[in-house]
N, C-alpha and C. Protein backbone atom coordinates (compact mmCIF):
# COMPACT_ATOMS: atom_id res chain seq x y z
N MET A 1 -19.83 14.39 -91.02
CA MET A 1 -20.03 14.90 -89.68
C MET A 1 -21.49 15.36 -89.60
N GLY A 2 -22.22 14.78 -88.65
CA GLY A 2 -23.61 15.12 -88.44
C GLY A 2 -23.74 16.20 -87.35
N LYS A 3 -24.97 16.48 -87.03
CA LYS A 3 -25.25 17.52 -86.01
C LYS A 3 -26.39 17.09 -85.14
N PHE A 4 -26.26 17.22 -83.80
CA PHE A 4 -27.30 17.00 -82.87
C PHE A 4 -27.75 18.36 -82.39
N ILE A 5 -29.07 18.62 -82.51
CA ILE A 5 -29.59 19.92 -82.13
C ILE A 5 -30.65 19.72 -81.05
N TYR A 6 -30.50 20.43 -79.99
CA TYR A 6 -31.42 20.35 -78.85
C TYR A 6 -32.02 21.71 -78.62
N GLY A 7 -33.31 21.85 -78.80
CA GLY A 7 -33.93 23.14 -78.63
C GLY A 7 -33.40 24.13 -79.69
N GLU A 8 -33.32 25.37 -79.30
CA GLU A 8 -32.86 26.40 -80.24
C GLU A 8 -31.43 26.84 -80.04
N THR A 9 -30.79 26.39 -78.98
CA THR A 9 -29.45 26.89 -78.66
C THR A 9 -28.33 25.88 -78.66
N VAL A 10 -28.61 24.61 -78.46
CA VAL A 10 -27.57 23.62 -78.33
C VAL A 10 -27.38 22.87 -79.69
N ARG A 11 -26.21 23.00 -80.27
CA ARG A 11 -25.85 22.34 -81.52
C ARG A 11 -24.44 21.76 -81.38
N ILE A 12 -24.34 20.49 -81.58
CA ILE A 12 -22.98 19.87 -81.52
C ILE A 12 -22.76 19.02 -82.75
N ASP A 13 -21.49 19.03 -83.21
CA ASP A 13 -21.12 18.18 -84.32
C ASP A 13 -20.77 16.80 -83.79
N ILE A 14 -21.37 15.80 -84.45
CA ILE A 14 -21.10 14.40 -84.11
C ILE A 14 -20.96 13.59 -85.38
N GLU A 15 -19.99 12.74 -85.44
CA GLU A 15 -19.81 11.90 -86.61
C GLU A 15 -21.08 11.12 -86.88
N ASP A 16 -21.46 10.98 -88.17
CA ASP A 16 -22.74 10.38 -88.58
C ASP A 16 -22.95 9.01 -87.95
N ARG A 17 -21.94 8.14 -87.90
CA ARG A 17 -22.12 6.83 -87.38
C ARG A 17 -22.43 6.82 -85.91
N ILE A 18 -21.74 7.65 -85.16
CA ILE A 18 -22.06 7.79 -83.74
C ILE A 18 -23.45 8.35 -83.54
N LEU A 19 -23.81 9.35 -84.35
CA LEU A 19 -25.11 9.98 -84.26
C LEU A 19 -26.23 8.98 -84.53
N ALA A 20 -26.03 8.09 -85.48
CA ALA A 20 -27.06 7.08 -85.81
C ALA A 20 -27.30 6.16 -84.59
N HIS A 21 -26.25 5.77 -83.90
CA HIS A 21 -26.38 4.92 -82.70
C HIS A 21 -27.07 5.69 -81.57
N LEU A 22 -26.67 6.96 -81.38
CA LEU A 22 -27.32 7.76 -80.34
C LEU A 22 -28.78 7.96 -80.65
N GLN A 23 -29.11 8.23 -81.91
CA GLN A 23 -30.52 8.44 -82.28
C GLN A 23 -31.37 7.21 -81.88
N LEU A 24 -30.89 6.06 -82.17
CA LEU A 24 -31.59 4.81 -81.88
C LEU A 24 -31.82 4.67 -80.36
N VAL A 25 -30.76 4.87 -79.58
CA VAL A 25 -30.89 4.73 -78.12
C VAL A 25 -31.79 5.81 -77.55
N ILE A 26 -31.62 7.07 -77.98
CA ILE A 26 -32.46 8.14 -77.48
C ILE A 26 -33.91 7.93 -77.85
N SER A 27 -34.17 7.54 -79.09
CA SER A 27 -35.55 7.31 -79.54
C SER A 27 -36.22 6.21 -78.74
N ASN A 28 -35.50 5.15 -78.48
CA ASN A 28 -36.08 4.04 -77.69
C ASN A 28 -36.44 4.45 -76.29
N LYS A 29 -35.58 5.24 -75.63
CA LYS A 29 -35.85 5.71 -74.27
C LYS A 29 -37.06 6.65 -74.27
N LEU A 30 -37.06 7.61 -75.23
CA LEU A 30 -38.17 8.58 -75.22
C LEU A 30 -39.48 7.96 -75.67
N ARG A 31 -39.42 6.97 -76.52
CA ARG A 31 -40.66 6.26 -76.93
C ARG A 31 -41.31 5.61 -75.73
N ARG A 32 -40.53 5.18 -74.78
CA ARG A 32 -41.04 4.57 -73.55
C ARG A 32 -41.39 5.61 -72.47
N GLY A 33 -41.20 6.90 -72.80
CA GLY A 33 -41.51 7.96 -71.84
C GLY A 33 -40.51 8.06 -70.75
N GLU A 34 -39.24 7.71 -70.99
CA GLU A 34 -38.19 7.73 -69.98
C GLU A 34 -37.26 8.89 -70.14
N PRO A 35 -37.38 9.96 -69.39
CA PRO A 35 -36.46 11.11 -69.50
C PRO A 35 -35.12 10.72 -68.87
N PHE A 36 -34.03 11.37 -69.36
CA PHE A 36 -32.67 11.04 -68.90
C PHE A 36 -31.70 12.12 -69.36
N PRO A 37 -30.56 12.27 -68.68
CA PRO A 37 -29.56 13.24 -69.15
C PRO A 37 -28.66 12.67 -70.27
N PHE A 38 -28.19 13.53 -71.12
CA PHE A 38 -27.23 13.19 -72.17
C PHE A 38 -26.07 14.17 -72.02
N SER A 39 -24.87 13.67 -71.86
CA SER A 39 -23.68 14.51 -71.63
C SER A 39 -22.61 14.22 -72.64
N TRP A 40 -21.77 15.26 -72.91
CA TRP A 40 -20.65 15.08 -73.82
C TRP A 40 -19.61 16.11 -73.44
N ARG A 41 -18.36 15.81 -73.93
CA ARG A 41 -17.24 16.72 -73.77
C ARG A 41 -17.32 17.75 -74.90
N ASP A 42 -17.13 19.01 -74.51
CA ASP A 42 -17.19 20.09 -75.53
C ASP A 42 -15.88 20.10 -76.30
N ASP A 43 -15.99 20.61 -77.51
CA ASP A 43 -14.82 20.81 -78.36
C ASP A 43 -13.95 21.90 -77.73
N PRO A 44 -12.63 21.75 -77.82
CA PRO A 44 -11.75 22.78 -77.26
C PRO A 44 -12.05 24.21 -77.80
N SER A 45 -12.59 24.25 -79.01
CA SER A 45 -12.91 25.61 -79.58
C SER A 45 -14.01 26.35 -78.84
N VAL A 46 -14.81 25.58 -78.01
CA VAL A 46 -15.87 26.25 -77.25
C VAL A 46 -15.65 26.12 -75.75
N GLY A 47 -14.42 25.86 -75.34
CA GLY A 47 -14.09 25.88 -73.94
C GLY A 47 -13.64 24.58 -73.36
N ASP A 48 -13.72 23.49 -74.05
CA ASP A 48 -13.19 22.17 -73.60
C ASP A 48 -13.80 21.72 -72.28
N GLY A 49 -15.08 22.09 -72.04
CA GLY A 49 -15.74 21.65 -70.82
C GLY A 49 -16.64 20.45 -71.08
N ARG A 50 -17.73 20.40 -70.38
CA ARG A 50 -18.68 19.32 -70.51
C ARG A 50 -20.10 19.94 -70.54
N THR A 51 -20.98 19.39 -71.36
CA THR A 51 -22.34 19.88 -71.46
C THR A 51 -23.27 18.69 -71.21
N SER A 52 -24.36 18.95 -70.47
CA SER A 52 -25.41 17.96 -70.27
C SER A 52 -26.76 18.62 -70.61
N VAL A 53 -27.64 17.83 -71.21
CA VAL A 53 -29.01 18.27 -71.46
C VAL A 53 -29.96 17.21 -70.91
N TRP A 54 -31.12 17.62 -70.53
CA TRP A 54 -32.16 16.72 -70.02
C TRP A 54 -33.07 16.36 -71.22
N LEU A 55 -33.03 15.08 -71.59
CA LEU A 55 -33.87 14.63 -72.69
C LEU A 55 -35.16 14.10 -72.15
N HIS A 56 -36.28 14.54 -72.74
CA HIS A 56 -37.60 14.12 -72.33
C HIS A 56 -38.49 14.03 -73.54
N PRO A 57 -39.62 13.32 -73.47
CA PRO A 57 -40.47 13.10 -74.67
C PRO A 57 -40.90 14.34 -75.40
N SER A 58 -41.03 15.50 -74.70
CA SER A 58 -41.45 16.70 -75.41
C SER A 58 -40.26 17.59 -75.86
N ALA A 59 -39.06 17.13 -75.67
CA ALA A 59 -37.88 17.93 -76.07
C ALA A 59 -37.83 18.04 -77.62
N SER A 60 -37.35 19.21 -78.06
CA SER A 60 -37.16 19.44 -79.49
C SER A 60 -35.78 18.93 -79.89
N LEU A 61 -35.73 17.81 -80.59
CA LEU A 61 -34.46 17.20 -81.02
C LEU A 61 -34.42 17.14 -82.53
N VAL A 62 -33.24 17.40 -83.08
CA VAL A 62 -33.02 17.25 -84.52
C VAL A 62 -31.70 16.49 -84.67
N TYR A 63 -31.73 15.49 -85.55
CA TYR A 63 -30.52 14.76 -85.91
C TYR A 63 -30.25 15.08 -87.39
N LYS A 64 -29.21 15.79 -87.67
CA LYS A 64 -28.86 16.19 -89.06
C LYS A 64 -27.69 15.34 -89.50
N PHE A 65 -27.91 14.46 -90.49
CA PHE A 65 -26.88 13.62 -91.05
C PHE A 65 -26.38 14.23 -92.36
N TYR A 66 -25.08 14.28 -92.54
CA TYR A 66 -24.54 14.83 -93.79
C TYR A 66 -24.27 13.77 -94.79
N GLY A 67 -24.11 12.51 -94.39
CA GLY A 67 -23.95 11.41 -95.32
C GLY A 67 -25.30 10.96 -95.83
N SER A 68 -25.32 10.43 -97.05
CA SER A 68 -26.60 10.01 -97.64
C SER A 68 -26.96 8.57 -97.33
N ARG A 69 -26.06 7.79 -96.78
CA ARG A 69 -26.31 6.41 -96.50
C ARG A 69 -26.45 6.16 -94.99
N LEU A 70 -27.35 5.20 -94.64
CA LEU A 70 -27.52 4.84 -93.25
C LEU A 70 -26.25 4.06 -92.83
N PRO A 71 -25.56 4.48 -91.80
CA PRO A 71 -24.38 3.77 -91.37
C PRO A 71 -24.74 2.38 -90.81
N ALA A 72 -23.82 1.44 -90.95
CA ALA A 72 -24.01 0.14 -90.32
C ALA A 72 -24.06 0.30 -88.82
N LEU A 73 -25.00 -0.40 -88.20
CA LEU A 73 -25.16 -0.28 -86.77
C LEU A 73 -24.57 -1.50 -86.06
N ASN A 74 -23.89 -1.27 -84.96
CA ASN A 74 -23.29 -2.32 -84.17
C ASN A 74 -24.18 -2.57 -82.93
N PRO A 75 -24.86 -3.75 -82.91
CA PRO A 75 -25.79 -4.03 -81.77
C PRO A 75 -25.06 -3.98 -80.40
N ALA A 76 -23.81 -4.35 -80.35
CA ALA A 76 -23.07 -4.33 -79.08
C ALA A 76 -22.88 -2.91 -78.63
N TRP A 77 -22.67 -1.96 -79.54
CA TRP A 77 -22.51 -0.54 -79.19
C TRP A 77 -23.85 0.04 -78.74
N ILE A 78 -24.93 -0.36 -79.44
CA ILE A 78 -26.27 0.09 -79.03
C ILE A 78 -26.54 -0.33 -77.60
N ASP A 79 -26.21 -1.58 -77.27
CA ASP A 79 -26.43 -2.08 -75.92
C ASP A 79 -25.57 -1.31 -74.91
N ALA A 80 -24.30 -1.03 -75.26
CA ALA A 80 -23.40 -0.32 -74.36
C ALA A 80 -23.92 1.13 -74.13
N LEU A 81 -24.38 1.78 -75.19
CA LEU A 81 -24.91 3.13 -75.05
C LEU A 81 -26.21 3.13 -74.21
N ALA A 82 -27.06 2.12 -74.48
CA ALA A 82 -28.32 1.99 -73.71
C ALA A 82 -28.02 1.77 -72.21
N ASP A 83 -26.95 1.01 -71.91
CA ASP A 83 -26.57 0.81 -70.49
C ASP A 83 -26.25 2.11 -69.84
N THR A 84 -25.49 3.00 -70.56
CA THR A 84 -25.18 4.32 -69.97
C THR A 84 -26.43 5.16 -69.80
N ALA A 85 -27.31 5.09 -70.76
CA ALA A 85 -28.57 5.89 -70.70
C ALA A 85 -29.42 5.44 -69.54
N ASN A 86 -29.32 4.19 -69.16
CA ASN A 86 -30.13 3.68 -68.06
C ASN A 86 -29.43 3.84 -66.69
N SER A 87 -28.21 4.41 -66.70
CA SER A 87 -27.48 4.57 -65.48
C SER A 87 -27.83 5.93 -64.82
N VAL A 88 -27.36 6.12 -63.62
CA VAL A 88 -27.61 7.35 -62.87
C VAL A 88 -26.99 8.55 -63.60
N SER A 89 -25.85 8.36 -64.21
CA SER A 89 -25.14 9.48 -64.89
C SER A 89 -25.78 9.78 -66.25
N GLY A 90 -26.54 8.88 -66.82
CA GLY A 90 -27.21 9.12 -68.09
C GLY A 90 -26.32 8.78 -69.29
N LEU A 91 -26.83 9.09 -70.46
CA LEU A 91 -26.22 8.75 -71.72
C LEU A 91 -24.97 9.56 -71.99
N TYR A 92 -23.91 8.89 -72.37
CA TYR A 92 -22.66 9.48 -72.87
C TYR A 92 -22.05 8.48 -73.83
N VAL A 93 -21.22 8.99 -74.73
CA VAL A 93 -20.63 8.13 -75.76
C VAL A 93 -19.48 7.32 -75.12
N VAL A 94 -19.57 6.03 -75.33
CA VAL A 94 -18.53 5.08 -74.91
C VAL A 94 -17.84 4.53 -76.16
N PRO A 95 -16.63 4.01 -76.01
CA PRO A 95 -15.94 3.43 -77.18
C PRO A 95 -16.77 2.29 -77.76
N GLU A 96 -16.67 2.16 -79.06
CA GLU A 96 -17.41 1.09 -79.76
C GLU A 96 -16.79 -0.27 -79.43
N PRO A 97 -17.61 -1.22 -78.90
CA PRO A 97 -17.09 -2.58 -78.68
C PRO A 97 -16.98 -3.30 -80.00
N VAL A 98 -16.16 -4.32 -80.00
CA VAL A 98 -15.98 -5.17 -81.17
C VAL A 98 -17.23 -6.01 -81.38
N GLU A 99 -17.68 -6.08 -82.63
CA GLU A 99 -18.86 -6.93 -82.91
C GLU A 99 -18.46 -8.37 -82.83
N HIS A 100 -19.41 -9.20 -82.48
CA HIS A 100 -19.20 -10.64 -82.47
C HIS A 100 -19.65 -11.22 -83.79
N PRO A 101 -18.94 -12.22 -84.31
CA PRO A 101 -19.36 -12.81 -85.58
C PRO A 101 -20.80 -13.35 -85.48
N GLY A 102 -21.57 -13.11 -86.54
CA GLY A 102 -22.94 -13.59 -86.58
C GLY A 102 -23.96 -12.58 -86.11
N GLN A 103 -23.51 -11.47 -85.51
CA GLN A 103 -24.44 -10.47 -85.07
C GLN A 103 -24.83 -9.57 -86.28
N PRO A 104 -26.06 -9.05 -86.30
CA PRO A 104 -26.42 -8.16 -87.38
C PRO A 104 -25.47 -6.97 -87.46
N THR A 105 -25.15 -6.49 -88.64
CA THR A 105 -24.31 -5.34 -88.80
C THR A 105 -25.12 -4.08 -89.10
N ALA A 106 -26.35 -4.25 -89.50
CA ALA A 106 -27.23 -3.10 -89.72
C ALA A 106 -28.64 -3.63 -89.48
N ILE A 107 -29.55 -2.76 -89.19
CA ILE A 107 -30.91 -3.21 -88.92
C ILE A 107 -31.47 -3.97 -90.14
N GLY A 108 -31.89 -5.21 -89.87
CA GLY A 108 -32.47 -5.99 -90.92
C GLY A 108 -31.44 -6.66 -91.85
N GLU A 109 -30.17 -6.48 -91.57
CA GLU A 109 -29.13 -7.09 -92.40
C GLU A 109 -28.27 -8.00 -91.57
N PHE A 110 -27.87 -9.12 -92.17
CA PHE A 110 -26.99 -10.08 -91.52
C PHE A 110 -25.83 -10.35 -92.45
N PRO A 111 -24.66 -10.60 -91.87
CA PRO A 111 -23.47 -10.84 -92.71
C PRO A 111 -23.67 -12.09 -93.58
């Protein structure tokens, strides 16, 4: 279980594999200077609501991974997450689509 940290007050637990995909999508948007909202459902232990933050190139972001290995990345999921990030509602986690045979399973790796 990893952790996404925004500024000094927002900290959420996110599974390492999801966090790796989010990091790639967020980094690509911010590298291009494109601010956008990122929203998620809160854990029931903190009220079971929804939180949104405005991500921008000067935002203080930390991605803390607890696993020592880089998770395999699914290009179809990266595309799906990028589509949400480019939408009016902004980035939110969508279910992972099934990979198609022959697509890379991790950056620089092919089956």
